[in-house]
Amino acid sequence: MQALQGLENTSSSVRLQAVMAIGTAPDPGYVDGLIGRCAVEPDFYVRDMLTWAITRHPAAVTVPRLVEQVRSANPRARSQALHTLSKVGDRAAWPAITRELLTDGDDEVARTAWRTAVVLVPEDEKPMLAEVLMSQLGRGDRATRLSLSRALIGLGATIVPALEAAKTSTDPHVAGHAVATRRLLDDPDAGFELAVDEAIRIVALGPDAQEK
């Protein structure tokens, strides 16, 4: 198929045009090629369009193949498959969002898994998901911590008891992250940078300040 051949072109603009053509005229015969390209595509805009093109196909066709990719040894394949599953939004994929993915050693994979999990999690599984996400408090750089805070906030009030417990952690990174997340839960417009700065101050002042 000419469109699939275009996905291999060295020009990102040609690849982008090929993906747009496939998405405009979806055909199950394209799905394997689209998903396979996601694992190796270096251009962000092409990857974004690949996700769009995949979502144009039936979930019954795409979800099983995407689930296979989240088990790949290739971090980009895992991350892009997770991102696409979040856009498909089919909760049949929920069992594929394992603890191993949620705690993946690659920050980008883990961040994508957190976002996807919040989209797909059934109501009765939210406490379990909250427990796993809480175990990641204090992880990574500010972008990673912000991603985790957003995922936790997406679970709503169910996270409050665990956040309050985490605020008393002896690990200042965990405690500070918990304080910042609680601030954002209470005031989503506060801004993560300000919440982090306030959390650092509060943790430095000790438990008495955290109660205020």
N, C-alpha and C. Protein backbone atom coordinates (compact mmCIF):
# COMPACT_ATOMS: atom_id res chain seq x y z
N MET A 1 0.84 -1.19 0.00
CA MET A 1 0.00 0.00 0.00
C MET A 1 0.88 1.25 0.00
N GLN A 2 0.57 2.19 -0.87
CA GLN A 2 1.39 3.37 -1.01
C GLN A 2 1.45 4.21 0.27
N ALA A 3 0.31 4.32 0.95
CA ALA A 3 0.28 5.13 2.18
C ALA A 3 1.21 4.55 3.24
N LEU A 4 1.22 3.22 3.37
CA LEU A 4 2.10 2.60 4.35
C LEU A 4 3.56 2.79 3.97
N GLN A 5 3.85 2.77 2.67
CA GLN A 5 5.22 3.03 2.23
C GLN A 5 5.65 4.45 2.61
N GLY A 6 4.67 5.39 2.56
CA GLY A 6 4.97 6.77 2.93
C GLY A 6 5.38 6.91 4.38
N LEU A 7 4.95 5.98 5.24
CA LEU A 7 5.32 6.05 6.66
C LEU A 7 6.81 5.82 6.87
N GLU A 8 7.48 5.23 5.88
CA GLU A 8 8.90 4.92 5.99
C GLU A 8 9.78 5.99 5.35
N ASN A 9 9.16 7.01 4.77
CA ASN A 9 9.92 8.04 4.07
C ASN A 9 10.82 8.82 5.04
N THR A 10 11.97 9.26 4.55
CA THR A 10 12.89 10.00 5.41
C THR A 10 12.40 11.41 5.73
N SER A 11 11.44 11.91 4.96
CA SER A 11 10.90 13.25 5.19
C SER A 11 9.72 13.19 6.16
N SER A 12 9.78 13.95 7.24
CA SER A 12 8.69 13.95 8.21
C SER A 12 7.40 14.50 7.60
N SER A 13 7.51 15.44 6.67
CA SER A 13 6.30 15.99 6.05
C SER A 13 5.62 14.95 5.17
N VAL A 14 6.40 14.12 4.50
CA VAL A 14 5.81 13.04 3.70
C VAL A 14 5.14 12.02 4.61
N ARG A 15 5.80 11.69 5.72
CA ARG A 15 5.20 10.75 6.67
C ARG A 15 3.90 11.31 7.24
N LEU A 16 3.91 12.60 7.54
CA LEU A 16 2.71 13.24 8.08
C LEU A 16 1.56 13.17 7.08
N GLN A 17 1.84 13.44 5.83
CA GLN A 17 0.81 13.37 4.79
C GLN A 17 0.28 11.94 4.65
N ALA A 18 1.17 10.97 4.76
CA ALA A 18 0.75 9.57 4.63
C ALA A 18 -0.19 9.18 5.77
N VAL A 19 0.15 9.62 6.98
CA VAL A 19 -0.70 9.31 8.13
C VAL A 19 -2.07 9.99 7.98
N MET A 20 -2.08 11.23 7.54
CA MET A 20 -3.33 11.94 7.34
C MET A 20 -4.21 11.24 6.31
N ALA A 21 -3.59 10.73 5.25
CA ALA A 21 -4.34 10.02 4.22
C ALA A 21 -4.97 8.75 4.79
N ILE A 22 -4.21 8.04 5.62
CA ILE A 22 -4.73 6.81 6.22
C ILE A 22 -5.87 7.13 7.18
N GLY A 23 -5.70 8.16 8.00
CA GLY A 23 -6.74 8.52 8.94
C GLY A 23 -8.01 9.01 8.27
N THR A 24 -7.87 9.62 7.10
CA THR A 24 -9.02 10.12 6.36
C THR A 24 -9.82 8.98 5.73
N ALA A 25 -9.12 7.92 5.38
CA ALA A 25 -9.79 6.76 4.77
C ALA A 25 -9.36 5.50 5.53
N PRO A 26 -9.83 5.33 6.78
CA PRO A 26 -9.37 4.21 7.61
C PRO A 26 -9.68 2.85 7.00
N ASP A 27 -8.76 1.95 7.26
CA ASP A 27 -8.89 0.57 6.77
C ASP A 27 -8.14 -0.31 7.77
N PRO A 28 -8.77 -1.38 8.29
CA PRO A 28 -8.09 -2.24 9.27
C PRO A 28 -6.73 -2.75 8.80
N GLY A 29 -6.54 -2.80 7.49
CA GLY A 29 -5.27 -3.26 6.96
C GLY A 29 -4.11 -2.33 7.26
N TYR A 30 -4.42 -1.09 7.68
CA TYR A 30 -3.39 -0.12 8.01
C TYR A 30 -2.94 -0.19 9.47
N VAL A 31 -3.72 -0.83 10.31
CA VAL A 31 -3.52 -0.70 11.75
C VAL A 31 -2.14 -1.19 12.20
N ASP A 32 -1.73 -2.34 11.75
CA ASP A 32 -0.43 -2.86 12.17
C ASP A 32 0.71 -1.92 11.77
N GLY A 33 0.61 -1.36 10.57
CA GLY A 33 1.64 -0.43 10.10
C GLY A 33 1.67 0.84 10.92
N LEU A 34 0.51 1.36 11.28
CA LEU A 34 0.44 2.57 12.10
C LEU A 34 1.04 2.35 13.48
N ILE A 35 0.63 1.25 14.11
CA ILE A 35 1.11 0.97 15.45
C ILE A 35 2.60 0.65 15.45
N GLY A 36 3.04 -0.07 14.45
CA GLY A 36 4.46 -0.36 14.34
C GLY A 36 5.28 0.90 14.17
N ARG A 37 4.74 1.86 13.41
CA ARG A 37 5.47 3.12 13.19
C ARG A 37 5.57 3.94 14.47
N CYS A 38 4.55 3.86 15.31
CA CYS A 38 4.56 4.59 16.58
C CYS A 38 5.80 4.28 17.41
N ALA A 39 6.27 3.06 17.33
CA ALA A 39 7.39 2.62 18.16
C ALA A 39 8.72 3.22 17.74
N VAL A 40 8.79 3.74 16.52
CA VAL A 40 10.08 4.21 16.00
C VAL A 40 10.03 5.64 15.48
N GLU A 41 8.84 6.23 15.41
CA GLU A 41 8.70 7.57 14.83
C GLU A 41 9.37 8.63 15.71
N PRO A 42 10.35 9.39 15.17
CA PRO A 42 11.05 10.37 15.99
C PRO A 42 10.36 11.73 16.10
N ASP A 43 9.47 12.04 15.17
CA ASP A 43 8.86 13.36 15.12
C ASP A 43 7.57 13.42 15.95
N PHE A 44 7.51 14.38 16.89
CA PHE A 44 6.36 14.48 17.79
C PHE A 44 5.05 14.65 17.02
N TYR A 45 5.05 15.52 16.02
CA TYR A 45 3.81 15.82 15.30
C TYR A 45 3.32 14.62 14.50
N VAL A 46 4.26 13.87 13.96
CA VAL A 46 3.87 12.66 13.24
C VAL A 46 3.31 11.63 14.22
N ARG A 47 3.94 11.50 15.39
CA ARG A 47 3.43 10.56 16.39
C ARG A 47 2.02 10.94 16.82
N ASP A 48 1.80 12.24 17.01
CA ASP A 48 0.47 12.71 17.40
C ASP A 48 -0.57 12.37 16.34
N MET A 49 -0.19 12.53 15.09
CA MET A 49 -1.10 12.21 14.00
C MET A 49 -1.29 10.69 13.87
N LEU A 50 -0.26 9.93 14.18
CA LEU A 50 -0.40 8.47 14.18
C LEU A 50 -1.47 8.04 15.17
N THR A 51 -1.44 8.65 16.36
CA THR A 51 -2.46 8.35 17.37
C THR A 51 -3.85 8.68 16.83
N TRP A 52 -3.98 9.84 16.22
CA TRP A 52 -5.28 10.23 15.64
C TRP A 52 -5.74 9.20 14.60
N ALA A 53 -4.84 8.80 13.73
CA ALA A 53 -5.20 7.84 12.67
C ALA A 53 -5.63 6.50 13.27
N ILE A 54 -4.94 6.08 14.31
CA ILE A 54 -5.31 4.81 14.96
C ILE A 54 -6.70 4.90 15.57
N THR A 55 -7.01 6.03 16.20
CA THR A 55 -8.34 6.18 16.82
C THR A 55 -9.46 6.23 15.80
N ARG A 56 -9.12 6.43 14.55
CA ARG A 56 -10.13 6.44 13.49
C ARG A 56 -10.58 5.02 13.12
N HIS A 57 -9.87 4.02 13.64
CA HIS A 57 -10.20 2.62 13.36
C HIS A 57 -10.96 2.03 14.54
N PRO A 58 -11.69 0.93 14.31
CA PRO A 58 -12.49 0.34 15.40
C PRO A 58 -11.62 -0.11 16.58
N ALA A 59 -12.09 0.17 17.78
CA ALA A 59 -11.36 -0.22 18.99
C ALA A 59 -11.15 -1.73 19.05
N ALA A 60 -12.11 -2.48 18.53
CA ALA A 60 -11.99 -3.94 18.55
C ALA A 60 -10.76 -4.40 17.77
N VAL A 61 -10.33 -3.60 16.82
CA VAL A 61 -9.15 -3.93 16.01
C VAL A 61 -7.88 -3.37 16.66
N THR A 62 -7.96 -2.13 17.14
CA THR A 62 -6.75 -1.45 17.61
C THR A 62 -6.33 -1.82 19.03
N VAL A 63 -7.29 -1.99 19.93
CA VAL A 63 -6.95 -2.18 21.34
C VAL A 63 -6.09 -3.42 21.59
N PRO A 64 -6.44 -4.60 21.02
CA PRO A 64 -5.58 -5.77 21.27
C PRO A 64 -4.15 -5.56 20.80
N ARG A 65 -3.96 -4.85 19.70
CA ARG A 65 -2.61 -4.61 19.18
C ARG A 65 -1.86 -3.60 20.05
N LEU A 66 -2.58 -2.60 20.53
CA LEU A 66 -1.97 -1.62 21.42
C LEU A 66 -1.56 -2.26 22.75
N VAL A 67 -2.39 -3.16 23.25
CA VAL A 67 -2.07 -3.87 24.48
C VAL A 67 -0.79 -4.69 24.32
N GLU A 68 -0.61 -5.27 23.16
CA GLU A 68 0.64 -6.00 22.90
C GLU A 68 1.84 -5.06 23.01
N GLN A 69 1.67 -3.84 22.52
CA GLN A 69 2.77 -2.88 22.51
C GLN A 69 3.15 -2.38 23.91
N VAL A 70 2.18 -2.31 24.81
CA VAL A 70 2.53 -1.83 26.16
C VAL A 70 3.43 -2.83 26.88
N ARG A 71 3.57 -4.02 26.34
CA ARG A 71 4.47 -5.03 26.92
C ARG A 71 5.82 -5.06 26.21
N SER A 72 6.01 -4.14 25.24
CA SER A 72 7.23 -4.11 24.45
C SER A 72 8.45 -3.77 25.31
N ALA A 73 9.61 -4.23 24.89
CA ALA A 73 10.86 -3.85 25.54
C ALA A 73 11.29 -2.44 25.17
N ASN A 74 10.66 -1.87 24.16
CA ASN A 74 10.98 -0.54 23.65
C ASN A 74 10.18 0.52 24.42
N PRO A 75 10.83 1.40 25.20
CA PRO A 75 10.09 2.39 25.98
C PRO A 75 9.18 3.28 25.13
N ARG A 76 9.65 3.69 23.95
CA ARG A 76 8.81 4.54 23.10
C ARG A 76 7.56 3.81 22.66
N ALA A 77 7.68 2.53 22.37
CA ALA A 77 6.51 1.74 21.98
C ALA A 77 5.52 1.66 23.13
N ARG A 78 6.03 1.44 24.34
CA ARG A 78 5.14 1.38 25.51
C ARG A 78 4.43 2.71 25.73
N SER A 79 5.22 3.78 25.69
CA SER A 79 4.66 5.10 25.96
C SER A 79 3.62 5.50 24.93
N GLN A 80 3.93 5.30 23.66
CA GLN A 80 3.01 5.72 22.61
C GLN A 80 1.75 4.86 22.60
N ALA A 81 1.89 3.57 22.88
CA ALA A 81 0.72 2.70 22.94
C ALA A 81 -0.19 3.11 24.10
N LEU A 82 0.40 3.43 25.23
CA LEU A 82 -0.38 3.89 26.38
C LEU A 82 -1.11 5.20 26.05
N HIS A 83 -0.39 6.12 25.44
CA HIS A 83 -1.00 7.40 25.06
C HIS A 83 -2.19 7.17 24.13
N THR A 84 -2.02 6.29 23.17
CA THR A 84 -3.09 6.03 22.21
C THR A 84 -4.28 5.34 22.89
N LEU A 85 -3.99 4.44 23.82
CA LEU A 85 -5.09 3.81 24.56
C LEU A 85 -5.90 4.85 25.34
N SER A 86 -5.23 5.87 25.85
CA SER A 86 -5.96 6.92 26.58
C SER A 86 -6.88 7.68 25.65
N LYS A 87 -6.49 7.82 24.39
CA LYS A 87 -7.31 8.53 23.41
C LYS A 87 -8.45 7.65 22.90
N VAL A 88 -8.19 6.35 22.79
CA VAL A 88 -9.26 5.43 22.38
C VAL A 88 -10.32 5.38 23.48
N GLY A 89 -9.85 5.30 24.74
CA GLY A 89 -10.77 5.36 25.87
C GLY A 89 -11.59 4.11 26.12
N ASP A 90 -11.15 2.98 25.59
CA ASP A 90 -11.89 1.72 25.77
C ASP A 90 -11.42 1.06 27.06
N ARG A 91 -12.33 0.96 28.03
CA ARG A 91 -11.95 0.42 29.34
C ARG A 91 -11.64 -1.07 29.31
N ALA A 92 -11.87 -1.71 28.18
CA ALA A 92 -11.45 -3.11 28.05
C ALA A 92 -9.94 -3.23 28.16
N ALA A 93 -9.24 -2.12 27.96
CA ALA A 93 -7.77 -2.14 28.03
C ALA A 93 -7.26 -1.99 29.46
N TRP A 94 -8.14 -1.71 30.41
CA TRP A 94 -7.70 -1.46 31.79
C TRP A 94 -6.79 -2.56 32.36
N PRO A 95 -7.10 -3.85 32.19
CA PRO A 95 -6.22 -4.87 32.78
C PRO A 95 -4.77 -4.79 32.31
N ALA A 96 -4.53 -4.14 31.18
CA ALA A 96 -3.16 -4.03 30.67
C ALA A 96 -2.35 -2.97 31.41
N ILE A 97 -3.03 -2.12 32.19
CA ILE A 97 -2.32 -1.07 32.93
C ILE A 97 -1.86 -1.65 34.26
N THR A 98 -0.76 -2.32 34.22
CA THR A 98 -0.26 -3.08 35.37
C THR A 98 0.55 -2.21 36.33
N ARG A 99 0.78 -2.75 37.51
CA ARG A 99 1.65 -2.08 38.48
C ARG A 99 3.04 -1.86 37.87
N GLU A 100 3.50 -2.81 37.08
CA GLU A 100 4.82 -2.68 36.47
C GLU A 100 4.89 -1.45 35.56
N LEU A 101 3.81 -1.18 34.81
CA LEU A 101 3.78 0.00 33.96
C LEU A 101 3.68 1.28 34.78
N LEU A 102 2.87 1.24 35.82
CA LEU A 102 2.67 2.42 36.66
C LEU A 102 3.93 2.79 37.45
N THR A 103 4.83 1.83 37.59
CA THR A 103 6.10 2.09 38.29
C THR A 103 7.28 1.90 37.35
N ASP A 104 7.04 1.99 36.05
CA ASP A 104 8.07 1.77 35.04
C ASP A 104 9.30 2.62 35.32
N GLY A 105 10.47 2.06 35.09
CA GLY A 105 11.70 2.79 35.34
C GLY A 105 11.93 3.96 34.41
N ASP A 106 11.27 3.96 33.27
CA ASP A 106 11.36 5.08 32.33
C ASP A 106 10.31 6.12 32.71
N ASP A 107 10.74 7.34 33.02
CA ASP A 107 9.80 8.35 33.50
C ASP A 107 8.70 8.65 32.50
N GLU A 108 9.03 8.71 31.21
CA GLU A 108 8.01 9.04 30.21
C GLU A 108 6.96 7.94 30.13
N VAL A 109 7.39 6.69 30.21
CA VAL A 109 6.43 5.58 30.21
C VAL A 109 5.53 5.66 31.44
N ALA A 110 6.15 5.87 32.60
CA ALA A 110 5.37 5.94 33.84
C ALA A 110 4.37 7.09 33.79
N ARG A 111 4.81 8.27 33.33
CA ARG A 111 3.92 9.42 33.25
C ARG A 111 2.73 9.13 32.34
N THR A 112 2.99 8.49 31.22
CA THR A 112 1.91 8.18 30.29
C THR A 112 0.99 7.13 30.89
N ALA A 113 1.56 6.18 31.61
CA ALA A 113 0.74 5.16 32.27
C ALA A 113 -0.17 5.79 33.31
N TRP A 114 0.34 6.78 34.06
CA TRP A 114 -0.49 7.44 35.07
C TRP A 114 -1.69 8.11 34.42
N ARG A 115 -1.42 8.87 33.35
CA ARG A 115 -2.52 9.58 32.67
C ARG A 115 -3.54 8.60 32.11
N THR A 116 -3.05 7.54 31.50
CA THR A 116 -3.93 6.56 30.88
C THR A 116 -4.75 5.83 31.92
N ALA A 117 -4.13 5.49 33.03
CA ALA A 117 -4.82 4.78 34.10
C ALA A 117 -6.01 5.57 34.62
N VAL A 118 -5.85 6.87 34.79
CA VAL A 118 -6.93 7.70 35.30
C VAL A 118 -8.10 7.74 34.32
N VAL A 119 -7.81 7.67 33.03
CA VAL A 119 -8.87 7.65 32.01
C VAL A 119 -9.63 6.33 32.03
N LEU A 120 -8.91 5.23 32.21
CA LEU A 120 -9.50 3.90 32.02
C LEU A 120 -9.98 3.22 33.30
N VAL A 121 -9.55 3.68 34.45
CA VAL A 121 -9.81 2.93 35.70
C VAL A 121 -11.30 2.83 36.00
N PRO A 122 -11.79 1.62 36.31
CA PRO A 122 -13.17 1.48 36.78
C PRO A 122 -13.30 2.09 38.18
N GLU A 123 -14.48 2.48 38.54
CA GLU A 123 -14.71 3.15 39.82
C GLU A 123 -14.21 2.31 41.00
N ASP A 124 -14.49 1.00 40.97
CA ASP A 124 -14.12 0.17 42.12
C ASP A 124 -12.63 -0.13 42.19
N GLU A 125 -11.87 0.25 41.16
CA GLU A 125 -10.43 0.03 41.16
C GLU A 125 -9.65 1.29 41.55
N LYS A 126 -10.36 2.41 41.76
CA LYS A 126 -9.68 3.67 42.06
C LYS A 126 -8.83 3.61 43.34
N PRO A 127 -9.30 3.00 44.43
CA PRO A 127 -8.45 2.93 45.62
C PRO A 127 -7.13 2.20 45.37
N MET A 128 -7.20 1.12 44.62
CA MET A 128 -5.97 0.38 44.30
C MET A 128 -5.03 1.24 43.46
N LEU A 129 -5.59 1.93 42.47
CA LEU A 129 -4.76 2.79 41.63
C LEU A 129 -4.14 3.91 42.46
N ALA A 130 -4.94 4.50 43.34
CA ALA A 130 -4.42 5.57 44.20
C ALA A 130 -3.25 5.07 45.04
N GLU A 131 -3.34 3.85 45.55
CA GLU A 131 -2.26 3.28 46.37
C GLU A 131 -0.97 3.17 45.56
N VAL A 132 -1.08 2.69 44.32
CA VAL A 132 0.12 2.54 43.50
C VAL A 132 0.70 3.91 43.16
N LEU A 133 -0.16 4.85 42.79
CA LEU A 133 0.34 6.19 42.44
C LEU A 133 1.00 6.86 43.65
N MET A 134 0.43 6.66 44.82
CA MET A 134 1.02 7.24 46.02
C MET A 134 2.44 6.74 46.25
N SER A 135 2.71 5.53 45.85
CA SER A 135 4.05 4.96 46.03
C SER A 135 5.09 5.67 45.18
N GLN A 136 4.63 6.49 44.23
CA GLN A 136 5.55 7.20 43.34
C GLN A 136 5.79 8.65 43.76
N LEU A 137 5.17 9.09 44.84
CA LEU A 137 5.37 10.46 45.31
C LEU A 137 6.86 10.75 45.52
N GLY A 138 7.28 11.93 45.11
CA GLY A 138 8.68 12.33 45.25
C GLY A 138 9.57 11.90 44.11
N ARG A 139 9.01 11.21 43.14
CA ARG A 139 9.81 10.67 42.04
C ARG A 139 10.11 11.72 40.98
N GLY A 140 11.33 11.72 40.48
CA GLY A 140 11.67 12.44 39.27
C GLY A 140 11.78 13.95 39.39
N ASP A 141 11.82 14.60 38.21
CA ASP A 141 11.93 16.05 38.17
C ASP A 141 10.55 16.69 38.34
N ARG A 142 10.49 18.01 38.24
CA ARG A 142 9.23 18.70 38.49
C ARG A 142 8.15 18.31 37.49
N ALA A 143 8.54 18.09 36.23
CA ALA A 143 7.56 17.69 35.22
C ALA A 143 6.95 16.34 35.57
N THR A 144 7.78 15.42 36.04
CA THR A 144 7.29 14.11 36.43
C THR A 144 6.38 14.21 37.65
N ARG A 145 6.79 15.01 38.63
CA ARG A 145 5.97 15.17 39.83
C ARG A 145 4.63 15.85 39.51
N LEU A 146 4.66 16.81 38.59
CA LEU A 146 3.42 17.47 38.20
C LEU A 146 2.49 16.48 37.51
N SER A 147 3.04 15.62 36.66
CA SER A 147 2.22 14.59 36.00
C SER A 147 1.55 13.69 37.02
N LEU A 148 2.31 13.30 38.04
CA LEU A 148 1.76 12.43 39.07
C LEU A 148 0.68 13.16 39.86
N SER A 149 0.94 14.42 40.21
CA SER A 149 -0.06 15.19 40.95
C SER A 149 -1.36 15.31 40.16
N ARG A 150 -1.25 15.58 38.88
CA ARG A 150 -2.44 15.69 38.04
C ARG A 150 -3.20 14.37 37.98
N ALA A 151 -2.46 13.27 37.89
CA ALA A 151 -3.12 11.96 37.86
C ALA A 151 -3.84 11.70 39.18
N LEU A 152 -3.19 11.99 40.28
CA LEU A 152 -3.81 11.78 41.59
C LEU A 152 -5.06 12.65 41.75
N ILE A 153 -4.96 13.90 41.35
CA ILE A 153 -6.10 14.80 41.45
C ILE A 153 -7.26 14.31 40.60
N GLY A 154 -6.93 13.65 39.49
CA GLY A 154 -7.97 13.10 38.63
C GLY A 154 -8.78 12.00 39.29
N LEU A 155 -8.25 11.44 40.37
CA LEU A 155 -8.98 10.40 41.12
C LEU A 155 -9.93 11.00 42.15
N GLY A 156 -9.82 12.30 42.39
CA GLY A 156 -10.77 12.97 43.27
C GLY A 156 -10.51 12.75 44.75
N ALA A 157 -11.56 12.86 45.53
CA ALA A 157 -11.46 12.86 46.99
C ALA A 157 -10.93 11.54 47.55
N THR A 158 -10.95 10.49 46.77
CA THR A 158 -10.47 9.20 47.27
C THR A 158 -9.00 9.24 47.69
N ILE A 159 -8.25 10.25 47.19
CA ILE A 159 -6.81 10.30 47.50
C ILE A 159 -6.52 11.05 48.80
N VAL A 160 -7.50 11.74 49.38
CA VAL A 160 -7.22 12.63 50.51
C VAL A 160 -6.61 11.92 51.71
N PRO A 161 -7.17 10.81 52.20
CA PRO A 161 -6.56 10.16 53.38
C PRO A 161 -5.10 9.75 53.15
N ALA A 162 -4.82 9.21 51.96
CA ALA A 162 -3.44 8.79 51.68
C ALA A 162 -2.51 9.99 51.56
N LEU A 163 -3.00 11.09 50.99
CA LEU A 163 -2.19 12.30 50.90
C LEU A 163 -1.84 12.84 52.29
N GLU A 164 -2.83 12.84 53.17
CA GLU A 164 -2.60 13.34 54.52
C GLU A 164 -1.55 12.49 55.23
N ALA A 165 -1.60 11.19 55.00
CA ALA A 165 -0.59 10.31 55.60
C ALA A 165 0.79 10.57 55.00
N ALA A 166 0.83 10.78 53.68
CA ALA A 166 2.12 11.00 53.02
C ALA A 166 2.76 12.31 53.44
N LYS A 167 1.95 13.29 53.85
CA LYS A 167 2.49 14.58 54.28
C LYS A 167 3.38 14.45 55.51
N THR A 168 3.24 13.36 56.25
CA THR A 168 4.04 13.15 57.46
C THR A 168 5.25 12.24 57.20
N SER A 169 5.50 11.94 55.94
CA SER A 169 6.62 11.06 55.59
C SER A 169 7.95 11.65 56.07
N THR A 170 8.86 10.78 56.46
CA THR A 170 10.20 11.23 56.86
C THR A 170 11.06 11.60 55.65
N ASP A 171 10.59 11.22 54.46
CA ASP A 171 11.29 11.59 53.22
C ASP A 171 10.77 12.96 52.79
N PRO A 172 11.60 14.00 52.82
CA PRO A 172 11.12 15.34 52.49
C PRO A 172 10.58 15.47 51.07
N HIS A 173 11.11 14.66 50.14
CA HIS A 173 10.61 14.71 48.76
C HIS A 173 9.18 14.19 48.68
N VAL A 174 8.92 13.11 49.40
CA VAL A 174 7.57 12.54 49.44
C VAL A 174 6.61 13.49 50.15
N ALA A 175 7.02 13.97 51.31
CA ALA A 175 6.15 14.86 52.08
C ALA A 175 5.85 16.15 51.31
N GLY A 176 6.89 16.74 50.71
CA GLY A 176 6.69 17.96 49.95
C GLY A 176 5.78 17.77 48.75
N HIS A 177 5.96 16.64 48.08
CA HIS A 177 5.11 16.34 46.93
C HIS A 177 3.66 16.15 47.37
N ALA A 178 3.47 15.49 48.50
CA ALA A 178 2.12 15.28 49.02
C ALA A 178 1.47 16.61 49.39
N VAL A 179 2.23 17.50 50.02
CA VAL A 179 1.69 18.81 50.39
C VAL A 179 1.30 19.59 49.14
N ALA A 180 2.18 19.59 48.14
CA ALA A 180 1.91 20.32 46.90
C ALA A 180 0.67 19.76 46.19
N THR A 181 0.54 18.45 46.19
CA THR A 181 -0.61 17.82 45.53
C THR A 181 -1.90 18.18 46.24
N ARG A 182 -1.85 18.19 47.58
CA ARG A 182 -3.06 18.56 48.33
C ARG A 182 -3.43 20.02 48.06
N ARG A 183 -2.43 20.90 47.98
CA ARG A 183 -2.71 22.29 47.67
C ARG A 183 -3.39 22.41 46.30
N LEU A 184 -2.91 21.66 45.33
CA LEU A 184 -3.50 21.71 44.00
C LEU A 184 -4.90 21.10 43.98
N LEU A 185 -5.11 20.09 44.79
CA LEU A 185 -6.45 19.49 44.88
C LEU A 185 -7.45 20.51 45.42
N ASP A 186 -7.01 21.26 46.42
CA ASP A 186 -7.89 22.27 47.02
C ASP A 186 -8.05 23.50 46.13
N ASP A 187 -6.98 23.83 45.39
CA ASP A 187 -7.00 25.04 44.55
C ASP A 187 -6.28 24.74 43.24
N PRO A 188 -7.00 24.20 42.23
CA PRO A 188 -6.37 23.81 40.96
C PRO A 188 -5.69 24.97 40.24
N ASP A 189 -6.06 26.20 40.56
CA ASP A 189 -5.47 27.36 39.90
C ASP A 189 -4.23 27.88 40.61
N ALA A 190 -3.81 27.20 41.66
CA ALA A 190 -2.69 27.71 42.46
C ALA A 190 -1.38 27.71 41.68
N GLY A 191 -1.21 26.77 40.76
CA GLY A 191 0.05 26.66 40.02
C GLY A 191 1.00 25.73 40.74
N PHE A 192 1.57 24.78 40.01
CA PHE A 192 2.40 23.76 40.65
C PHE A 192 3.68 24.34 41.24
N GLU A 193 4.29 25.29 40.54
CA GLU A 193 5.54 25.86 41.05
C GLU A 193 5.32 26.51 42.41
N LEU A 194 4.23 27.29 42.53
CA LEU A 194 3.94 27.94 43.81
C LEU A 194 3.62 26.90 44.87
N ALA A 195 2.87 25.85 44.47
CA ALA A 195 2.52 24.80 45.43
C ALA A 195 3.77 24.08 45.93
N VAL A 196 4.72 23.84 45.04
CA VAL A 196 5.96 23.17 45.43
C VAL A 196 6.75 24.06 46.38
N ASP A 197 6.87 25.34 46.04
CA ASP A 197 7.62 26.26 46.91
C ASP A 197 6.99 26.31 48.30
N GLU A 198 5.65 26.36 48.34
CA GLU A 198 4.98 26.39 49.64
C GLU A 198 5.18 25.08 50.38
N ALA A 199 5.16 23.97 49.64
CA ALA A 199 5.36 22.66 50.26
C ALA A 199 6.74 22.56 50.90
N ILE A 200 7.75 23.07 50.19
CA ILE A 200 9.11 23.04 50.74
C ILE A 200 9.17 23.82 52.05
N ARG A 201 8.52 24.98 52.04
CA ARG A 201 8.51 25.81 53.26
C ARG A 201 7.80 25.08 54.40
N ILE A 202 6.66 24.49 54.10
CA ILE A 202 5.86 23.83 55.13
C ILE A 202 6.59 22.61 55.70
N VAL A 203 7.18 21.82 54.81
CA VAL A 203 7.91 20.63 55.27
C VAL A 203 9.11 21.04 56.12
N ALA A 204 9.77 22.13 55.72
CA ALA A 204 10.93 22.59 56.49
C ALA A 204 10.54 23.04 57.89
N LEU A 205 9.30 23.56 58.03
CA LEU A 205 8.85 24.04 59.34
C LEU A 205 8.42 22.89 60.27
N GLY A 206 8.17 21.72 59.67
CA GLY A 206 7.85 20.56 60.49
C GLY A 206 6.37 20.24 60.56
N PRO A 207 6.02 19.16 61.27
CA PRO A 207 4.65 18.64 61.33
C PRO A 207 3.64 19.68 61.80
N ASP A 208 4.00 20.53 62.74
CA ASP A 208 3.03 21.50 63.26
C ASP A 208 2.54 22.42 62.17
N ALA A 209 3.43 22.83 61.27
CA ALA A 209 3.05 23.72 60.18
C ALA A 209 2.16 23.01 59.17
N GLN A 210 2.35 21.71 59.01
CA GLN A 210 1.57 20.95 58.04
C GLN A 210 0.12 20.81 58.48
N GLU A 211 -0.14 20.96 59.75
CA GLU A 211 -1.50 20.83 60.23
C GLU A 211 -2.31 22.09 60.00
N LYS A 212 -1.62 23.21 59.67
CA LYS A 212 -2.29 24.50 59.55
C LYS A 212 -2.90 24.68 58.17
